[in-house]
Amino acid sequence: MNTTRLLNNLMVENVVDSLNFYISSLGFELVMAVPEGTEDIVYSLVEDQEYGFAVIKNGDVELMFQSLSSIKSEFPTINIDAASSRVIFYMQVIGIDELFASLEGKVDIVKGLHEAFYGMKEFYIKDFDGYILGFAEKA
């Protein structure tokens, strides 16, 4: 086996809310989305439309969002009561100070901007579904 790529598919309560957070707060862009209950692929969002799945991108980082209802439908034998996280997404960025300043007071910061002993300047936030996102730049 030769693994060439790893994409994270995040279980979320509401795909639109997650998209709005990542696009407006973190500068991601929509790659594609699938309206809830369909197999149609769309490349722009329609107001008041619910989505079961979406892909976003910022630089080389891509994330997928899938609604809990869509996951329960696709994997009926899996017992999923709510979105939860046992993972921290750690993203290296350029412009950590500017990013922190743009998010401060607007998002749930769980650990403020600091320089870690391993030479990274970093901070951590929590998104709408409780996922912890770390942002770092070489100090």
C-alpha atoms as a PDB file:
ATOM      1  CA  MET A   1       0.000   0.000   0.000  1.00  0.00           C
ATOM      2  CA  ASN A   2       1.167   3.508  -0.825  1.00  0.00           C
ATOM      3  CA  THR A   3      -0.881   6.145   0.987  1.00  0.00           C
ATOM      4  CA  THR A   4      -0.946   9.375  -0.987  1.00  0.00           C
ATOM      5  CA  ARG A   5      -3.358  11.583   0.950  1.00  0.00           C
ATOM      6  CA  LEU A   6      -5.414  11.789   4.139  1.00  0.00           C
ATOM      7  CA  LEU A   7      -8.683  13.724   4.181  1.00  0.00           C
ATOM      8  CA  ASN A   8     -10.588  14.358   7.391  1.00  0.00           C
ATOM      9  CA  ASN A   9     -14.357  13.883   7.252  1.00  0.00           C
ATOM     10  CA  LEU A  10     -15.798  15.702  10.259  1.00  0.00           C
ATOM     11  CA  MET A  11     -19.193  14.653  11.638  1.00  0.00           C
ATOM     12  CA  VAL A  12     -21.153  17.863  12.191  1.00  0.00           C
ATOM     13  CA  GLU A  13     -24.614  18.784  13.434  1.00  0.00           C
ATOM     14  CA  ASN A  14     -25.200  21.281  10.623  1.00  0.00           C
ATOM     15  CA  VAL A  15     -23.042  21.477   7.494  1.00  0.00           C
ATOM     16  CA  VAL A  16     -24.084  25.062   6.693  1.00  0.00           C
ATOM     17  CA  ASP A  17     -23.134  26.325  10.170  1.00  0.00           C
ATOM     18  CA  SER A  18     -19.750  24.597   9.900  1.00  0.00           C
ATOM     19  CA  LEU A  19     -19.170  26.001   6.408  1.00  0.00           C
ATOM     20  CA  ASN A  20     -20.041  29.508   7.565  1.00  0.00           C
ATOM     21  CA  PHE A  21     -17.567  29.275  10.458  1.00  0.00           C
ATOM     22  CA  TYR A  22     -14.647  27.903   8.433  1.00  0.00           C
ATOM     23  CA  ILE A  23     -15.251  30.176   5.435  1.00  0.00           C
ATOM     24  CA  SER A  24     -15.910  33.457   7.276  1.00  0.00           C
ATOM     25  CA  SER A  25     -13.549  32.987  10.235  1.00  0.00           C
ATOM     26  CA  LEU A  26     -10.699  30.930   8.785  1.00  0.00           C
ATOM     27  CA  GLY A  27     -10.641  31.852   5.099  1.00  0.00           C
ATOM     28  CA  PHE A  28     -11.525  28.442   3.659  1.00  0.00           C
ATOM     29  CA  GLU A  29     -13.270  28.212   0.281  1.00  0.00           C
ATOM     30  CA  LEU A  30     -16.026  25.862  -0.813  1.00  0.00           C
ATOM     31  CA  VAL A  31     -14.886  23.113  -3.178  1.00  0.00           C
ATOM     32  CA  MET A  32     -18.206  21.285  -3.484  1.00  0.00           C
ATOM     33  CA  ALA A  33     -21.344  20.369  -1.571  1.00  0.00           C
ATOM     34  CA  VAL A  34     -24.181  17.848  -1.728  1.00  0.00           C
ATOM     35  CA  PRO A  35     -27.688  18.969  -0.739  1.00  0.00           C
ATOM     36  CA  GLU A  36     -29.169  16.843   2.066  1.00  0.00           C
ATOM     37  CA  GLY A  37     -30.912  13.717   0.782  1.00  0.00           C
ATOM     38  CA  THR A  38     -29.565  13.974  -2.783  1.00  0.00           C
ATOM     39  CA  GLU A  39     -26.607  12.779  -4.803  1.00  0.00           C
ATOM     40  CA  ASP A  40     -26.293  16.117  -6.621  1.00  0.00           C
ATOM     41  CA  ILE A  41     -22.905  17.834  -6.516  1.00  0.00           C
ATOM     42  CA  VAL A  42     -23.035  21.638  -6.395  1.00  0.00           C
ATOM     43  CA  TYR A  43     -20.265  24.217  -6.375  1.00  0.00           C
ATOM     44  CA  SER A  44     -22.038  27.113  -4.675  1.00  0.00           C
ATOM     45  CA  LEU A  45     -24.436  27.296  -1.759  1.00  0.00           C
ATOM     46  CA  VAL A  46     -28.094  28.215  -1.980  1.00  0.00           C
ATOM     47  CA  GLU A  47     -29.632  30.127   0.934  1.00  0.00           C
ATOM     48  CA  ASP A  48     -32.027  28.102   3.124  1.00  0.00           C
ATOM     49  CA  GLN A  49     -30.747  24.817   1.624  1.00  0.00           C
ATOM     50  CA  GLU A  50     -29.538  22.071   3.968  1.00  0.00           C
ATOM     51  CA  TYR A  51     -26.447  20.110   2.928  1.00  0.00           C
ATOM     52  CA  GLY A  52     -25.446  16.574   3.859  1.00  0.00           C
ATOM     53  CA  PHE A  53     -21.838  16.851   2.756  1.00  0.00           C
ATOM     54  CA  ALA A  54     -19.291  19.483   1.731  1.00  0.00           C
ATOM     55  CA  VAL A  55     -15.582  19.902   1.007  1.00  0.00           C
ATOM     56  CA  ILE A  56     -13.633  23.081   1.765  1.00  0.00           C
ATOM     57  CA  LYS A  57     -10.049  24.098   1.083  1.00  0.00           C
ATOM     58  CA  ASN A  58      -7.462  26.610   2.253  1.00  0.00           C
ATOM     59  CA  GLY A  59      -4.070  26.262   0.579  1.00  0.00           C
ATOM     60  CA  ASP A  60      -3.136  22.570   0.635  1.00  0.00           C
ATOM     61  CA  VAL A  61      -5.528  21.766   3.495  1.00  0.00           C
ATOM     62  CA  GLU A  62      -8.885  20.190   2.660  1.00  0.00           C
ATOM     63  CA  LEU A  63     -11.635  19.273   5.108  1.00  0.00           C
ATOM     64  CA  MET A  64     -14.866  17.395   4.558  1.00  0.00           C
ATOM     65  CA  PHE A  65     -18.055  17.901   6.578  1.00  0.00           C
ATOM     66  CA  GLN A  66     -20.848  15.345   6.729  1.00  0.00           C
ATOM     67  CA  SER A  67     -24.080  15.812   8.661  1.00  0.00           C
ATOM     68  CA  LEU A  68     -24.857  13.353  11.438  1.00  0.00           C
ATOM     69  CA  SER A  69     -28.143  12.481   9.723  1.00  0.00           C
ATOM     70  CA  SER A  70     -26.282  11.680   6.501  1.00  0.00           C
ATOM     71  CA  ILE A  71     -23.739   9.528   8.359  1.00  0.00           C
ATOM     72  CA  LYS A  72     -26.491   7.662  10.222  1.00  0.00           C
ATOM     73  CA  SER A  73     -28.200   6.992   6.892  1.00  0.00           C
ATOM     74  CA  GLU A  74     -24.988   5.875   5.180  1.00  0.00           C
ATOM     75  CA  PHE A  75     -23.749   3.746   8.110  1.00  0.00           C
ATOM     76  CA  PRO A  76     -26.904   2.481   9.890  1.00  0.00           C
ATOM     77  CA  THR A  77     -25.014  -0.053  12.027  1.00  0.00           C
ATOM     78  CA  ILE A  78     -22.805   2.603  13.653  1.00  0.00           C
ATOM     79  CA  ASN A  79     -24.152   3.992  16.939  1.00  0.00           C
ATOM     80  CA  ILE A  80     -23.593   7.742  16.715  1.00  0.00           C
ATOM     81  CA  ASP A  81     -25.482   9.889  19.205  1.00  0.00           C
ATOM     82  CA  ALA A  82     -23.699  13.217  18.693  1.00  0.00           C
ATOM     83  CA  ALA A  83     -20.641  14.705  17.091  1.00  0.00           C
ATOM     84  CA  SER A  84     -17.654  14.375  19.348  1.00  0.00           C
ATOM     85  CA  SER A  85     -13.954  14.693  19.018  1.00  0.00           C
ATOM     86  CA  ARG A  86     -10.940  12.827  20.276  1.00  0.00           C
ATOM     87  CA  VAL A  87      -8.687  14.532  17.802  1.00  0.00           C
ATOM     88  CA  ILE A  88      -6.951  17.891  17.507  1.00  0.00           C
ATOM     89  CA  PHE A  89      -6.346  19.247  14.015  1.00  0.00           C
ATOM     90  CA  TYR A  90      -2.955  20.982  13.936  1.00  0.00           C
ATOM     91  CA  MET A  91      -2.411  23.273  10.946  1.00  0.00           C
ATOM     92  CA  GLN A  92       0.811  25.050  10.072  1.00  0.00           C
ATOM     93  CA  VAL A  93       0.119  28.523   8.728  1.00  0.00           C
ATOM     94  CA  ILE A  94       1.926  31.628   7.562  1.00  0.00           C
ATOM     95  CA  GLY A  95       0.966  34.787   9.458  1.00  0.00           C
ATOM     96  CA  ILE A  96       0.059  33.379  12.888  1.00  0.00           C
ATOM     97  CA  ASP A  97      -0.048  36.812  14.576  1.00  0.00           C
ATOM     98  CA  GLU A  98      -2.451  38.234  11.997  1.00  0.00           C
ATOM     99  CA  LEU A  99      -4.639  35.116  12.143  1.00  0.00           C
ATOM    100  CA  PHE A 100      -4.835  35.238  15.937  1.00  0.00           C
ATOM    101  CA  ALA A 101      -5.688  38.956  15.882  1.00  0.00           C
ATOM    102  CA  SER A 102      -8.446  38.350  13.318  1.00  0.00           C
ATOM    103  CA  LEU A 103     -10.041  35.607  15.459  1.00  0.00           C
ATOM    104  CA  GLU A 104      -9.603  37.042  18.963  1.00  0.00           C
ATOM    105  CA  GLY A 105     -12.995  37.890  20.452  1.00  0.00           C
ATOM    106  CA  LYS A 106     -14.834  36.181  17.575  1.00  0.00           C
ATOM    107  CA  VAL A 107     -14.240  32.490  18.276  1.00  0.00           C
ATOM    108  CA  ASP A 108     -13.800  30.245  21.316  1.00  0.00           C
ATOM    109  CA  ILE A 109     -10.046  30.363  21.994  1.00  0.00           C
ATOM    110  CA  VAL A 110      -9.118  27.413  24.210  1.00  0.00           C
ATOM    111  CA  LYS A 111      -5.395  28.218  24.447  1.00  0.00           C
ATOM    112  CA  GLY A 112      -4.043  31.620  23.540  1.00  0.00           C
ATOM    113  CA  LEU A 113      -1.111  32.555  21.360  1.00  0.00           C
ATOM    114  CA  HIS A 114       2.121  31.293  22.904  1.00  0.00           C
ATOM    115  CA  GLU A 115       5.548  29.959  21.994  1.00  0.00           C
ATOM    116  CA  ALA A 116       5.865  26.233  22.688  1.00  0.00           C
ATOM    117  CA  PHE A 117       9.063  24.592  23.903  1.00  0.00           C
ATOM    118  CA  TYR A 118       9.409  22.803  20.541  1.00  0.00           C
ATOM    119  CA  GLY A 119       9.849  26.052  18.628  1.00  0.00           C
ATOM    120  CA  MET A 120       6.333  26.712  17.357  1.00  0.00           C
ATOM    121  CA  LYS A 121       4.220  29.808  17.950  1.00  0.00           C
ATOM    122  CA  GLU A 122       0.673  28.478  18.263  1.00  0.00           C
ATOM    123  CA  PHE A 123      -2.888  28.811  19.557  1.00  0.00           C
ATOM    124  CA  TYR A 124      -5.978  26.613  19.730  1.00  0.00           C
ATOM    125  CA  ILE A 125      -9.668  27.270  19.114  1.00  0.00           C
ATOM    126  CA  LYS A 126     -12.874  25.232  19.295  1.00  0.00           C
ATOM    127  CA  ASP A 127     -15.287  25.154  16.358  1.00  0.00           C
ATOM    128  CA  PHE A 128     -19.112  24.893  16.475  1.00  0.00           C
ATOM    129  CA  ASP A 129     -19.038  21.106  16.791  1.00  0.00           C
ATOM    130  CA  GLY A 130     -16.412  20.974  19.520  1.00  0.00           C
ATOM    131  CA  TYR A 131     -13.436  20.116  17.318  1.00  0.00           C
ATOM    132  CA  ILE A 132     -10.152  21.591  18.543  1.00  0.00           C
ATOM    133  CA  LEU A 133      -8.143  23.375  15.837  1.00  0.00           C
ATOM    134  CA  GLY A 134      -4.515  24.255  16.426  1.00  0.00           C
ATOM    135  CA  PHE A 135      -2.706  26.847  14.332  1.00  0.00           C
ATOM    136  CA  ALA A 136       1.076  27.101  14.370  1.00  0.00           C
ATOM    137  CA  GLU A 137       4.020  28.820  12.732  1.00  0.00           C
ATOM    138  CA  LYS A 138       7.730  28.290  13.307  1.00  0.00           C
ATOM    139  CA  ALA A 139       8.827  30.735  15.998  1.00  0.00           C
END
